Structures are given as structure tokens and as C-alpha cells.
Amino acid sequence: MTKEKILVVDDEQLIRWSLSKSLEKEGYSVITVDSAEKALKIFSEKTIHLILLDNNLPGINGVEMLERVREIDADV
């Protein structure tokens, strides 16, 4: 059985690290990135089941990223 993939998007390294460790303990596969731009690239290339997204990102903010994610996959 494949693990569900969670994408953690936050510009703070400690938050990415702590969420990743906690989720991995629960059996999830976790990908972490520090920007919306990187997250959008990963989302367009991989199957992602859940996104944990900081709203206050540099560059593209969380709301704008969510809008772009919906353009890629309207079912999100």
C-alpha cells in the first residue's frame, strides 16, 4: 500500500521540519518546500493528497497558490 503524500509549504525551516517529523511518525510520506513556486512545480509533477500551506509566504502567498493549485486540479 502506498503512503499518502503530504506537501508542507512554509518559509520557516523549523515548522517544515517539525511537521514533517510528526507526519512521518504517523506513516505519511512528506515533501517540504519553502516557497509557493516550488510547491506548484511539485504539485504539477506528483500526486499530492494534502497540502499544509502557510498563508504568509514571500512571493506568491498562500491564497494565490491555492488558486493556482485549483487551476491544475479543480477537485482540490
Foldseek 3Di string as FASTA:
>chain_A
DDAAEEEEEAQDPVVLVVVCVVVVVVPHHYDYDHALVVVLVVLLVDPHDYYHAAQDGPDQGDVNSVVVSCVSPVVD
